[in-house]
Amino acid sequence: MTTQPQSYPAHLSIDYPEKLDRVSSFFRLIFVIPILVILSLLTATATDTVTVITDSGEVVSRITTTGLGIAGGLFVATMLMVVFRQRYPRWWFDFALNLNRFTNRVGAYMALLTDRYPSTENEQSVHLDLEYPNVQQDLNRWMPLVKWLLAIPHYIVLVVLVVGAIFAILIAWFAILFTGRYPRALFDYVVGVGRWALRVQAYTTLLITDRYPPFSLQ
């Protein structure tokens, strides 16, 4: 049975801009730095620097990762709750939803899909929604242990799609500089790749559904 993309419990759409600012698009990688710093502070892993003095007197510094980051920690915690308690705390879900909304607003701005500087709160032109699961009714408690394996075909396809999206964004950048418009076909493709990735994330790490993601950009 093929899952219908329209009914999948993870939704992403972005309003198509009729006109884009050429100056903002040209300097986008510079303008995005402040909001990227904020996003990285929210999602970065914790690290420690350990200094070791060897028997020969040599000083060796080693950087070690001491945490999974917020996203990784939330995934592990949610997986354990689903497996052992068959519960998905609503406030965990709400946090994951809003973090993903913010992340996608930043991603849309970087991909030139919008000129509106990413807000930490307002939806703007990026519309992302996830459906809160009824764990006992909708989720198999053991599925989180194997979803990463089942999703390998999606990972392989996404690598190819993301490479294509990078080239699409580069071509769109030149088009915007000359015409002030994002070619609609390229816009739909880049948004489609984001939508595909969101569905895979909903299945494998957000754990809101056991329905296998469709192989579709729509």
N, C-alpha and C. Protein backbone atom coordinates (compact mmCIF):
# COMPACT_ATOMS: atom_id res chain seq x y z
N MET A 1 0.85 -1.19 0.00
CA MET A 1 0.00 0.00 0.00
C MET A 1 0.89 1.24 0.00
N THR A 2 0.56 2.24 -0.82
CA THR A 2 1.33 3.47 -0.91
C THR A 2 0.71 4.53 -0.03
N THR A 3 1.54 5.15 0.81
CA THR A 3 1.04 6.22 1.67
C THR A 3 0.77 7.46 0.85
N GLN A 4 -0.38 8.06 1.00
CA GLN A 4 -0.71 9.27 0.29
C GLN A 4 -0.01 10.46 0.96
N PRO A 5 0.82 11.23 0.21
CA PRO A 5 1.54 12.33 0.80
C PRO A 5 0.62 13.34 1.50
N GLN A 6 -0.59 13.58 0.93
CA GLN A 6 -1.47 14.59 1.49
C GLN A 6 -1.90 14.24 2.91
N SER A 7 -1.95 12.96 3.24
CA SER A 7 -2.47 12.55 4.54
C SER A 7 -1.36 12.25 5.54
N TYR A 8 -0.12 12.44 5.16
CA TYR A 8 0.97 12.13 6.07
C TYR A 8 0.99 13.14 7.20
N PRO A 9 1.26 12.72 8.44
CA PRO A 9 1.14 13.61 9.61
C PRO A 9 2.29 14.59 9.79
N ALA A 10 3.00 14.92 8.74
CA ALA A 10 4.03 15.96 8.78
C ALA A 10 3.86 16.80 7.52
N HIS A 11 3.63 18.09 7.68
CA HIS A 11 3.29 18.95 6.55
C HIS A 11 4.23 20.14 6.48
N LEU A 12 4.67 20.45 5.26
CA LEU A 12 5.53 21.61 5.04
C LEU A 12 5.14 22.29 3.73
N SER A 13 4.90 23.57 3.80
CA SER A 13 4.68 24.37 2.59
C SER A 13 5.29 25.74 2.81
N ILE A 14 5.70 26.37 1.73
CA ILE A 14 6.31 27.70 1.78
C ILE A 14 5.67 28.56 0.70
N ASP A 15 5.25 29.75 1.09
CA ASP A 15 4.61 30.66 0.14
C ASP A 15 5.61 31.07 -0.94
N TYR A 16 5.17 30.99 -2.19
CA TYR A 16 6.05 31.38 -3.30
C TYR A 16 6.14 32.90 -3.38
N PRO A 17 7.36 33.46 -3.36
CA PRO A 17 7.51 34.92 -3.44
C PRO A 17 7.49 35.39 -4.90
N GLU A 18 6.68 36.36 -5.19
CA GLU A 18 6.62 36.89 -6.56
C GLU A 18 7.87 37.68 -6.91
N LYS A 19 8.47 38.32 -5.91
CA LYS A 19 9.66 39.12 -6.14
C LYS A 19 10.60 38.99 -4.96
N LEU A 20 11.89 38.90 -5.24
CA LEU A 20 12.89 38.77 -4.18
C LEU A 20 13.92 39.90 -4.31
N ASP A 21 14.44 40.33 -3.18
CA ASP A 21 15.41 41.42 -3.16
C ASP A 21 16.78 40.93 -3.62
N ARG A 22 17.34 41.58 -4.60
CA ARG A 22 18.61 41.12 -5.17
C ARG A 22 19.78 41.35 -4.21
N VAL A 23 19.79 42.48 -3.53
CA VAL A 23 20.89 42.78 -2.61
C VAL A 23 20.89 41.80 -1.45
N SER A 24 19.72 41.56 -0.85
CA SER A 24 19.61 40.61 0.25
C SER A 24 20.04 39.22 -0.19
N SER A 25 19.64 38.82 -1.39
CA SER A 25 20.00 37.49 -1.90
C SER A 25 21.50 37.39 -2.14
N PHE A 26 22.11 38.46 -2.65
CA PHE A 26 23.54 38.43 -2.94
C PHE A 26 24.36 38.23 -1.66
N PHE A 27 23.94 38.89 -0.57
CA PHE A 27 24.70 38.81 0.68
C PHE A 27 24.07 37.84 1.67
N ARG A 28 23.29 36.89 1.20
CA ARG A 28 22.53 36.03 2.10
C ARG A 28 23.40 35.27 3.08
N LEU A 29 24.53 34.75 2.63
CA LEU A 29 25.39 33.96 3.52
C LEU A 29 25.98 34.81 4.64
N ILE A 30 26.02 36.13 4.44
CA ILE A 30 26.49 37.02 5.50
C ILE A 30 25.34 37.39 6.43
N PHE A 31 24.20 37.72 5.83
CA PHE A 31 23.05 38.14 6.64
C PHE A 31 22.54 37.03 7.56
N VAL A 32 22.73 35.78 7.15
CA VAL A 32 22.16 34.67 7.91
C VAL A 32 22.99 34.29 9.13
N ILE A 33 24.21 34.81 9.23
CA ILE A 33 25.13 34.39 10.30
C ILE A 33 24.54 34.60 11.70
N PRO A 34 23.97 35.76 12.04
CA PRO A 34 23.46 35.93 13.42
C PRO A 34 22.40 34.91 13.81
N ILE A 35 21.46 34.63 12.92
CA ILE A 35 20.40 33.67 13.27
C ILE A 35 20.94 32.25 13.27
N LEU A 36 21.97 31.98 12.47
CA LEU A 36 22.61 30.66 12.50
C LEU A 36 23.31 30.44 13.84
N VAL A 37 23.90 31.49 14.38
CA VAL A 37 24.55 31.38 15.69
C VAL A 37 23.51 31.01 16.75
N ILE A 38 22.35 31.67 16.69
CA ILE A 38 21.29 31.37 17.65
C ILE A 38 20.83 29.92 17.50
N LEU A 39 20.63 29.49 16.26
CA LEU A 39 20.19 28.11 16.02
C LEU A 39 21.23 27.11 16.50
N SER A 40 22.49 27.39 16.26
CA SER A 40 23.54 26.47 16.68
C SER A 40 23.62 26.37 18.20
N LEU A 41 23.35 27.47 18.89
CA LEU A 41 23.36 27.44 20.35
C LEU A 41 22.22 26.57 20.88
N LEU A 42 21.12 26.52 20.13
CA LEU A 42 19.99 25.70 20.56
C LEU A 42 20.21 24.21 20.30
N THR A 43 21.00 23.89 19.29
CA THR A 43 21.10 22.50 18.85
C THR A 43 22.48 21.89 19.01
N ALA A 44 23.49 22.68 19.36
CA ALA A 44 24.86 22.17 19.41
C ALA A 44 25.04 21.18 20.55
N THR A 45 25.98 20.26 20.38
CA THR A 45 26.35 19.33 21.44
C THR A 45 27.34 20.00 22.38
N ALA A 46 27.39 19.50 23.59
CA ALA A 46 28.35 20.00 24.57
C ALA A 46 29.71 19.34 24.35
N THR A 47 30.78 20.11 24.55
CA THR A 47 32.13 19.57 24.36
C THR A 47 33.02 19.95 25.53
N ASP A 48 33.99 19.09 25.77
CA ASP A 48 35.00 19.36 26.80
C ASP A 48 36.38 19.24 26.16
N THR A 49 37.31 20.08 26.60
CA THR A 49 38.69 19.98 26.17
C THR A 49 39.52 19.39 27.30
N VAL A 50 40.12 18.25 27.03
CA VAL A 50 40.91 17.56 28.04
C VAL A 50 42.39 17.68 27.67
N THR A 51 43.20 18.16 28.61
CA THR A 51 44.64 18.30 28.39
C THR A 51 45.37 17.16 29.10
N VAL A 52 46.18 16.43 28.35
CA VAL A 52 46.91 15.28 28.88
C VAL A 52 48.40 15.52 28.71
N ILE A 53 49.17 15.29 29.76
CA ILE A 53 50.63 15.39 29.69
C ILE A 53 51.19 13.98 29.67
N THR A 54 51.88 13.63 28.59
CA THR A 54 52.43 12.29 28.44
C THR A 54 53.71 12.13 29.27
N ASP A 55 54.21 10.89 29.33
CA ASP A 55 55.44 10.61 30.09
C ASP A 55 56.63 11.39 29.56
N SER A 56 56.60 11.70 28.26
CA SER A 56 57.72 12.43 27.66
C SER A 56 57.60 13.94 27.85
N GLY A 57 56.53 14.36 28.51
CA GLY A 57 56.33 15.78 28.75
C GLY A 57 55.53 16.48 27.68
N GLU A 58 55.09 15.73 26.68
CA GLU A 58 54.30 16.33 25.60
C GLU A 58 52.89 16.64 26.09
N VAL A 59 52.42 17.83 25.75
CA VAL A 59 51.07 18.26 26.13
C VAL A 59 50.13 17.97 24.97
N VAL A 60 49.11 17.19 25.24
CA VAL A 60 48.15 16.81 24.21
C VAL A 60 46.76 17.27 24.64
N SER A 61 46.11 18.03 23.78
CA SER A 61 44.74 18.48 24.06
C SER A 61 43.78 17.67 23.20
N ARG A 62 42.72 17.24 23.83
CA ARG A 62 41.73 16.43 23.11
C ARG A 62 40.34 16.99 23.38
N ILE A 63 39.58 17.22 22.31
CA ILE A 63 38.21 17.71 22.43
C ILE A 63 37.27 16.51 22.39
N THR A 64 36.44 16.41 23.39
CA THR A 64 35.51 15.30 23.46
C THR A 64 34.08 15.80 23.50
N THR A 65 33.20 15.08 22.85
CA THR A 65 31.79 15.42 22.88
C THR A 65 31.14 14.79 24.10
N THR A 66 30.40 15.59 24.85
CA THR A 66 29.83 15.10 26.11
C THR A 66 28.31 15.04 26.08
N GLY A 67 27.71 15.30 24.94
CA GLY A 67 26.25 15.25 24.88
C GLY A 67 25.76 15.06 23.47
N LEU A 68 24.47 14.77 23.35
CA LEU A 68 23.88 14.55 22.03
C LEU A 68 23.29 15.82 21.44
N GLY A 69 23.26 16.91 22.20
CA GLY A 69 22.56 18.08 21.75
C GLY A 69 21.08 17.95 22.07
N ILE A 70 20.36 19.06 21.93
CA ILE A 70 18.95 19.05 22.28
C ILE A 70 18.17 18.07 21.40
N ALA A 71 18.38 18.13 20.09
CA ALA A 71 17.63 17.26 19.19
C ALA A 71 17.92 15.79 19.46
N GLY A 72 19.21 15.45 19.63
CA GLY A 72 19.57 14.07 19.91
C GLY A 72 19.05 13.60 21.25
N GLY A 73 19.17 14.46 22.26
CA GLY A 73 18.67 14.09 23.57
C GLY A 73 17.17 13.90 23.59
N LEU A 74 16.45 14.76 22.85
CA LEU A 74 15.00 14.65 22.78
C LEU A 74 14.58 13.35 22.08
N PHE A 75 15.33 12.98 21.04
CA PHE A 75 15.03 11.73 20.33
C PHE A 75 15.20 10.53 21.26
N VAL A 76 16.33 10.48 21.96
CA VAL A 76 16.59 9.34 22.85
C VAL A 76 15.54 9.28 23.96
N ALA A 77 15.23 10.43 24.55
CA ALA A 77 14.25 10.45 25.64
C ALA A 77 12.87 10.02 25.14
N THR A 78 12.48 10.51 23.97
CA THR A 78 11.17 10.13 23.41
C THR A 78 11.13 8.65 23.08
N MET A 79 12.22 8.14 22.51
CA MET A 79 12.27 6.72 22.18
C MET A 79 12.09 5.87 23.44
N LEU A 80 12.78 6.23 24.52
CA LEU A 80 12.66 5.46 25.75
C LEU A 80 11.25 5.54 26.33
N MET A 81 10.63 6.71 26.24
CA MET A 81 9.28 6.86 26.75
C MET A 81 8.28 6.02 25.95
N VAL A 82 8.44 6.02 24.63
CA VAL A 82 7.52 5.24 23.78
C VAL A 82 7.71 3.75 24.03
N VAL A 83 8.97 3.31 24.11
CA VAL A 83 9.26 1.88 24.27
C VAL A 83 8.83 1.37 25.63
N PHE A 84 9.16 2.10 26.68
CA PHE A 84 8.95 1.58 28.03
C PHE A 84 7.66 2.05 28.70
N ARG A 85 7.16 3.22 28.30
CA ARG A 85 5.98 3.75 28.97
C ARG A 85 4.80 3.96 28.02
N GLN A 86 5.04 3.86 26.72
CA GLN A 86 4.02 4.14 25.71
C GLN A 86 3.38 5.52 25.94
N ARG A 87 4.25 6.49 26.12
CA ARG A 87 3.81 7.87 26.32
C ARG A 87 4.68 8.80 25.50
N TYR A 88 4.09 9.91 25.07
CA TYR A 88 4.82 10.96 24.36
C TYR A 88 4.40 12.28 25.02
N PRO A 89 5.17 12.77 25.98
CA PRO A 89 4.78 14.00 26.70
C PRO A 89 4.47 15.13 25.73
N ARG A 90 3.34 15.77 25.94
CA ARG A 90 2.90 16.80 25.02
C ARG A 90 3.87 17.97 24.95
N TRP A 91 4.46 18.33 26.08
CA TRP A 91 5.36 19.48 26.04
C TRP A 91 6.65 19.15 25.29
N TRP A 92 7.07 17.86 25.28
CA TRP A 92 8.20 17.47 24.44
C TRP A 92 7.85 17.66 22.98
N PHE A 93 6.65 17.20 22.62
CA PHE A 93 6.18 17.34 21.24
C PHE A 93 6.11 18.80 20.83
N ASP A 94 5.55 19.66 21.67
CA ASP A 94 5.41 21.07 21.35
C ASP A 94 6.78 21.72 21.17
N PHE A 95 7.73 21.34 22.00
CA PHE A 95 9.08 21.89 21.85
C PHE A 95 9.69 21.45 20.52
N ALA A 96 9.58 20.15 20.20
CA ALA A 96 10.13 19.64 18.94
C ALA A 96 9.47 20.32 17.75
N LEU A 97 8.16 20.52 17.83
CA LEU A 97 7.44 21.18 16.74
C LEU A 97 7.96 22.60 16.52
N ASN A 98 8.07 23.37 17.58
CA ASN A 98 8.51 24.75 17.43
C ASN A 98 9.98 24.87 17.06
N LEU A 99 10.81 23.94 17.54
CA LEU A 99 12.21 23.94 17.14
C LEU A 99 12.33 23.65 15.65
N ASN A 100 11.54 22.70 15.15
CA ASN A 100 11.59 22.39 13.72
C ASN A 100 11.02 23.52 12.88
N ARG A 101 10.01 24.21 13.38
CA ARG A 101 9.49 25.37 12.66
C ARG A 101 10.57 26.44 12.52
N PHE A 102 11.25 26.72 13.62
CA PHE A 102 12.32 27.72 13.59
C PHE A 102 13.45 27.28 12.66
N THR A 103 13.85 26.02 12.76
CA THR A 103 14.92 25.50 11.91
C THR A 103 14.58 25.62 10.44
N ASN A 104 13.35 25.31 10.09
CA ASN A 104 12.94 25.39 8.69
C ASN A 104 12.82 26.83 8.20
N ARG A 105 12.48 27.76 9.09
CA ARG A 105 12.48 29.17 8.69
C ARG A 105 13.90 29.63 8.35
N VAL A 106 14.85 29.20 9.17
CA VAL A 106 16.25 29.53 8.89
C VAL A 106 16.70 28.87 7.58
N GLY A 107 16.32 27.61 7.40
CA GLY A 107 16.68 26.91 6.17
C GLY A 107 16.08 27.55 4.93
N ALA A 108 14.84 27.99 5.02
CA ALA A 108 14.19 28.64 3.89
C ALA A 108 14.88 29.95 3.54
N TYR A 109 15.29 30.69 4.56
CA TYR A 109 16.01 31.95 4.32
C TYR A 109 17.36 31.68 3.66
N MET A 110 18.07 30.68 4.14
CA MET A 110 19.36 30.33 3.55
C MET A 110 19.22 29.87 2.11
N ALA A 111 18.11 29.16 1.82
CA ALA A 111 17.90 28.63 0.48
C ALA A 111 17.27 29.65 -0.46
N LEU A 112 17.17 30.90 -0.01
CA LEU A 112 16.67 32.03 -0.81
C LEU A 112 15.18 31.91 -1.11
N LEU A 113 14.46 31.06 -0.38
CA LEU A 113 13.05 30.85 -0.63
C LEU A 113 12.20 31.99 -0.11
N THR A 114 12.79 32.85 0.71
CA THR A 114 12.09 34.00 1.26
C THR A 114 13.09 35.08 1.61
N ASP A 115 12.64 36.34 1.59
CA ASP A 115 13.47 37.46 2.01
C ASP A 115 13.24 37.83 3.47
N ARG A 116 12.22 37.26 4.08
CA ARG A 116 11.87 37.64 5.45
C ARG A 116 12.85 37.00 6.42
N TYR A 117 13.49 37.85 7.23
CA TYR A 117 14.48 37.33 8.17
C TYR A 117 13.80 36.40 9.16
N PRO A 118 14.39 35.23 9.44
CA PRO A 118 13.71 34.22 10.27
C PRO A 118 13.32 34.73 11.65
N SER A 119 12.07 34.53 11.98
CA SER A 119 11.57 34.88 13.30
C SER A 119 11.72 33.68 14.23
N THR A 120 11.95 33.96 15.50
CA THR A 120 12.02 32.87 16.48
C THR A 120 10.63 32.44 16.93
N GLU A 121 9.59 33.20 16.55
CA GLU A 121 8.24 32.89 17.01
C GLU A 121 7.21 32.83 15.88
N ASN A 122 7.20 33.84 15.01
CA ASN A 122 6.13 33.95 14.01
C ASN A 122 6.31 32.96 12.86
N GLU A 123 5.20 32.51 12.32
CA GLU A 123 5.21 31.51 11.25
C GLU A 123 5.79 32.05 9.96
N GLN A 124 5.54 33.32 9.64
CA GLN A 124 5.98 33.96 8.41
C GLN A 124 5.47 33.19 7.19
N SER A 125 6.32 32.93 6.21
CA SER A 125 5.87 32.27 4.98
C SER A 125 6.12 30.76 4.99
N VAL A 126 6.69 30.26 6.08
CA VAL A 126 7.01 28.83 6.19
C VAL A 126 5.98 28.16 7.09
N HIS A 127 5.22 27.24 6.51
CA HIS A 127 4.12 26.61 7.24
C HIS A 127 4.46 25.14 7.48
N LEU A 128 4.76 24.81 8.73
CA LEU A 128 5.13 23.45 9.11
C LEU A 128 4.22 22.99 10.24
N ASP A 129 3.70 21.79 10.09
CA ASP A 129 2.84 21.26 11.14
C ASP A 129 3.09 19.77 11.31
N LEU A 130 2.99 19.31 12.54
CA LEU A 130 3.12 17.90 12.88
C LEU A 130 1.89 17.49 13.68
N GLU A 131 1.43 16.28 13.46
CA GLU A 131 0.25 15.81 14.18
C GLU A 131 0.67 15.05 15.43
N TYR A 132 0.10 15.47 16.56
CA TYR A 132 0.44 14.83 17.83
C TYR A 132 -0.13 13.40 17.85
N PRO A 133 0.71 12.41 18.16
CA PRO A 133 0.25 11.01 18.07
C PRO A 133 -0.47 10.52 19.32
N ASN A 134 -1.40 9.63 19.11
CA ASN A 134 -1.98 8.85 20.20
C ASN A 134 -1.09 7.61 20.32
N VAL A 135 -0.18 7.63 21.27
CA VAL A 135 0.88 6.62 21.32
C VAL A 135 0.32 5.20 21.39
N GLN A 136 -0.58 4.95 22.30
CA GLN A 136 -1.08 3.59 22.49
C GLN A 136 -1.89 3.11 21.28
N GLN A 137 -2.51 4.03 20.59
CA GLN A 137 -3.34 3.64 19.45
C GLN A 137 -2.58 3.66 18.13
N ASP A 138 -1.68 4.64 17.94
CA ASP A 138 -1.06 4.86 16.64
C ASP A 138 0.37 4.33 16.53
N LEU A 139 1.05 4.10 17.65
CA LEU A 139 2.47 3.75 17.60
C LEU A 139 2.73 2.37 18.19
N ASN A 140 3.54 1.60 17.48
CA ASN A 140 4.04 0.33 17.99
C ASN A 140 5.25 0.64 18.89
N ARG A 141 5.22 0.19 20.11
CA ARG A 141 6.25 0.57 21.07
C ARG A 141 7.64 0.10 20.68
N TRP A 142 7.76 -0.93 19.83
CA TRP A 142 9.08 -1.44 19.47
C TRP A 142 9.62 -0.85 18.16
N MET A 143 8.79 -0.15 17.40
CA MET A 143 9.22 0.39 16.11
C MET A 143 10.37 1.39 16.21
N PRO A 144 10.44 2.23 17.25
CA PRO A 144 11.57 3.18 17.30
C PRO A 144 12.94 2.52 17.27
N LEU A 145 13.01 1.24 17.63
CA LEU A 145 14.29 0.55 17.66
C LEU A 145 14.78 0.17 16.27
N VAL A 146 13.88 0.13 15.28
CA VAL A 146 14.27 -0.34 13.95
C VAL A 146 13.99 0.67 12.85
N LYS A 147 13.37 1.78 13.17
CA LYS A 147 13.01 2.74 12.12
C LYS A 147 14.23 3.27 11.37
N TRP A 148 15.33 3.48 12.09
CA TRP A 148 16.53 3.98 11.44
C TRP A 148 17.01 3.03 10.34
N LEU A 149 16.80 1.73 10.56
CA LEU A 149 17.20 0.73 9.58
C LEU A 149 16.23 0.70 8.40
N LEU A 150 14.95 0.78 8.70
CA LEU A 150 13.93 0.76 7.65
C LEU A 150 14.02 1.98 6.75
N ALA A 151 14.55 3.08 7.28
CA ALA A 151 14.59 4.32 6.52
C ALA A 151 15.84 4.47 5.66
N ILE A 152 16.71 3.47 5.63
CA ILE A 152 17.96 3.57 4.85
C ILE A 152 17.70 3.92 3.39
N PRO A 153 16.69 3.32 2.71
CA PRO A 153 16.43 3.74 1.32
C PRO A 153 16.15 5.23 1.20
N HIS A 154 15.46 5.80 2.17
CA HIS A 154 15.19 7.23 2.14
C HIS A 154 16.47 8.03 2.30
N TYR A 155 17.36 7.60 3.19
CA TYR A 155 18.62 8.30 3.38
C TYR A 155 19.42 8.36 2.08
N ILE A 156 19.44 7.25 1.38
CA ILE A 156 20.20 7.19 0.12
C ILE A 156 19.61 8.15 -0.91
N VAL A 157 18.29 8.13 -1.04
CA VAL A 157 17.63 9.02 -1.99
C VAL A 157 17.83 10.48 -1.59
N LEU A 158 17.73 10.76 -0.29
CA LEU A 158 17.86 12.14 0.17
C LEU A 158 19.25 12.72 -0.11
N VAL A 159 20.28 11.90 -0.03
CA VAL A 159 21.63 12.39 -0.35
C VAL A 159 21.65 12.93 -1.78
N VAL A 160 21.06 12.18 -2.69
CA VAL A 160 21.02 12.61 -4.09
C VAL A 160 20.17 13.86 -4.25
N LEU A 161 19.01 13.87 -3.58
CA LEU A 161 18.10 15.01 -3.68
C LEU A 161 18.73 16.28 -3.11
N VAL A 162 19.43 16.16 -1.99
CA VAL A 162 20.05 17.33 -1.37
C VAL A 162 21.14 17.90 -2.27
N VAL A 163 21.92 17.03 -2.90
CA VAL A 163 22.94 17.52 -3.84
C VAL A 163 22.26 18.29 -4.97
N GLY A 164 21.14 17.73 -5.48
CA GLY A 164 20.40 18.44 -6.52
C GLY A 164 19.86 19.76 -6.03
N ALA A 165 19.41 19.81 -4.75
CA ALA A 165 18.88 21.04 -4.19
C ALA A 165 19.96 22.12 -4.08
N ILE A 166 21.19 21.71 -3.75
CA ILE A 166 22.29 22.67 -3.67
C ILE A 166 22.52 23.33 -5.02
N PHE A 167 22.54 22.53 -6.08
CA PHE A 167 22.71 23.09 -7.42
C PHE A 167 21.51 23.96 -7.81
N ALA A 168 20.31 23.54 -7.42
CA ALA A 168 19.11 24.32 -7.72
C ALA A 168 19.18 25.69 -7.04
N ILE A 169 19.63 25.72 -5.79
CA ILE A 169 19.75 27.00 -5.07
C ILE A 169 20.80 27.89 -5.72
N LEU A 170 21.90 27.29 -6.16
CA LEU A 170 22.94 28.08 -6.82
C LEU A 170 22.42 28.70 -8.12
N ILE A 171 21.70 27.91 -8.91
CA ILE A 171 21.11 28.43 -10.15
C ILE A 171 20.08 29.52 -9.83
N ALA A 172 19.27 29.28 -8.80
CA ALA A 172 18.26 30.27 -8.40
C ALA A 172 18.92 31.56 -7.96
N TRP A 173 20.06 31.47 -7.30
CA TRP A 173 20.77 32.67 -6.85
C TRP A 173 21.11 33.58 -8.03
N PHE A 174 21.64 32.98 -9.09
CA PHE A 174 21.95 33.78 -10.29
C PHE A 174 20.67 34.33 -10.92
N ALA A 175 19.63 33.51 -10.95
CA ALA A 175 18.37 33.97 -11.53
C ALA A 175 17.80 35.15 -10.75
N ILE A 176 17.89 35.11 -9.44
CA ILE A 176 17.38 36.21 -8.61
C ILE A 176 18.18 37.48 -8.85
N LEU A 177 19.50 37.35 -8.97
CA LEU A 177 20.34 38.52 -9.19
C LEU A 177 20.00 39.21 -10.51
N PHE A 178 19.61 38.44 -11.51
CA PHE A 178 19.33 39.02 -12.82
C PHE A 178 17.86 39.38 -13.01
N THR A 179 16.96 38.63 -12.40
CA THR A 179 15.53 38.84 -12.66
C THR A 179 14.72 39.21 -11.43
N GLY A 180 15.27 38.97 -10.24
CA GLY A 180 14.53 39.22 -9.02
C GLY A 180 13.49 38.16 -8.72
N ARG A 181 13.53 37.05 -9.44
CA ARG A 181 12.53 35.99 -9.25
C ARG A 181 13.22 34.64 -9.06
N TYR A 182 12.59 33.79 -8.26
CA TYR A 182 13.06 32.42 -8.04
C TYR A 182 12.31 31.53 -9.03
N PRO A 183 13.00 30.89 -9.97
CA PRO A 183 12.30 30.04 -10.94
C PRO A 183 11.37 29.05 -10.23
N ARG A 184 10.10 29.02 -10.65
CA ARG A 184 9.10 28.27 -9.90
C ARG A 184 9.43 26.78 -9.82
N ALA A 185 9.94 26.21 -10.89
CA ALA A 185 10.26 24.78 -10.87
C ALA A 185 11.35 24.49 -9.84
N LEU A 186 12.36 25.36 -9.77
CA LEU A 186 13.43 25.16 -8.80
C LEU A 186 12.90 25.36 -7.38
N PHE A 187 12.04 26.36 -7.21
CA PHE A 187 11.43 26.62 -5.90
C PHE A 187 10.67 25.39 -5.41
N ASP A 188 9.82 24.84 -6.28
CA ASP A 188 9.02 23.67 -5.89
C ASP A 188 9.91 22.47 -5.57
N TYR A 189 11.01 22.34 -6.32
CA TYR A 189 11.91 21.21 -6.06
C TYR A 189 12.58 21.34 -4.69
N VAL A 190 13.11 22.52 -4.38
CA VAL A 190 13.81 22.73 -3.11
C VAL A 190 12.84 22.54 -1.94
N VAL A 191 11.63 23.09 -2.06
CA VAL A 191 10.63 22.90 -1.00
C VAL A 191 10.27 21.42 -0.88
N GLY A 192 10.16 20.74 -2.01
CA GLY A 192 9.84 19.31 -2.00
C GLY A 192 10.88 18.48 -1.29
N VAL A 193 12.15 18.82 -1.47
CA VAL A 193 13.22 18.10 -0.77
C VAL A 193 13.09 18.32 0.74
N GLY A 194 12.80 19.55 1.14
CA GLY A 194 12.58 19.82 2.55
C GLY A 194 11.40 19.06 3.10
N ARG A 195 10.34 18.96 2.31
CA ARG A 195 9.14 18.22 2.73
C ARG A 195 9.45 16.74 2.88
N TRP A 196 10.20 16.19 1.95
CA TRP A 196 10.61 14.77 2.01
C TRP A 196 11.42 14.52 3.28
N ALA A 197 12.41 15.39 3.53
CA ALA A 197 13.26 15.23 4.70
C ALA A 197 12.46 15.32 6.00
N LEU A 198 11.48 16.22 6.03
CA LEU A 198 10.65 16.37 7.23
C LEU A 198 9.88 15.08 7.51
N ARG A 199 9.32 14.46 6.48
CA ARG A 199 8.57 13.23 6.68
C ARG A 199 9.46 12.11 7.21
N VAL A 200 10.68 12.03 6.69
CA VAL A 200 11.61 11.01 7.17
C VAL A 200 11.97 11.29 8.63
N GLN A 201 12.17 12.56 8.95
CA GLN A 201 12.46 12.94 10.32
C GLN A 201 11.29 12.61 11.25
N ALA A 202 10.06 12.87 10.78
CA ALA A 202 8.88 12.56 11.59
C ALA A 202 8.80 11.07 11.90
N TYR A 203 9.25 10.27 10.97
CA TYR A 203 9.20 8.81 11.12
C TYR A 203 10.34 8.28 11.98
N THR A 204 11.55 8.79 11.77
CA THR A 204 12.73 8.17 12.39
C THR A 204 13.17 8.81 13.70
N THR A 205 13.08 10.12 13.83
CA THR A 205 13.62 10.78 15.03
C THR A 205 12.56 11.49 15.86
N LEU A 206 11.59 12.11 15.21
CA LEU A 206 10.51 12.73 15.97
C LEU A 206 9.54 11.68 16.50
N LEU A 207 9.46 10.55 15.81
CA LEU A 207 8.69 9.39 16.26
C LEU A 207 7.20 9.68 16.45
N ILE A 208 6.64 10.51 15.57
CA ILE A 208 5.22 10.84 15.71
C ILE A 208 4.33 9.90 14.92
N THR A 209 4.92 9.02 14.10
CA THR A 209 4.11 8.13 13.27
C THR A 209 4.88 6.86 12.94
N ASP A 210 4.13 5.78 12.72
CA ASP A 210 4.72 4.53 12.23
C ASP A 210 4.47 4.35 10.74
N ARG A 211 3.82 5.30 10.11
CA ARG A 211 3.53 5.20 8.69
C ARG A 211 4.78 5.50 7.89
N TYR A 212 5.14 4.58 7.00
CA TYR A 212 6.37 4.74 6.24
C TYR A 212 6.26 5.96 5.32
N PRO A 213 7.29 6.82 5.29
CA PRO A 213 7.21 8.04 4.48
C PRO A 213 7.09 7.71 2.99
N PRO A 214 6.31 8.49 2.27
CA PRO A 214 6.18 8.28 0.82
C PRO A 214 7.43 8.77 0.09
N PHE A 215 7.74 8.14 -1.00
CA PHE A 215 8.84 8.61 -1.86
C PHE A 215 8.26 9.66 -2.81
N SER A 216 8.12 10.86 -2.29
CA SER A 216 7.45 11.91 -3.06
C SER A 216 7.91 13.28 -2.61
N LEU A 217 8.01 14.20 -3.58
CA LEU A 217 8.33 15.59 -3.28
C LEU A 217 7.07 16.39 -2.97
N GLN A 218 5.91 15.83 -3.24
CA GLN A 218 4.65 16.55 -3.08
C GLN A 218 4.09 16.42 -1.66
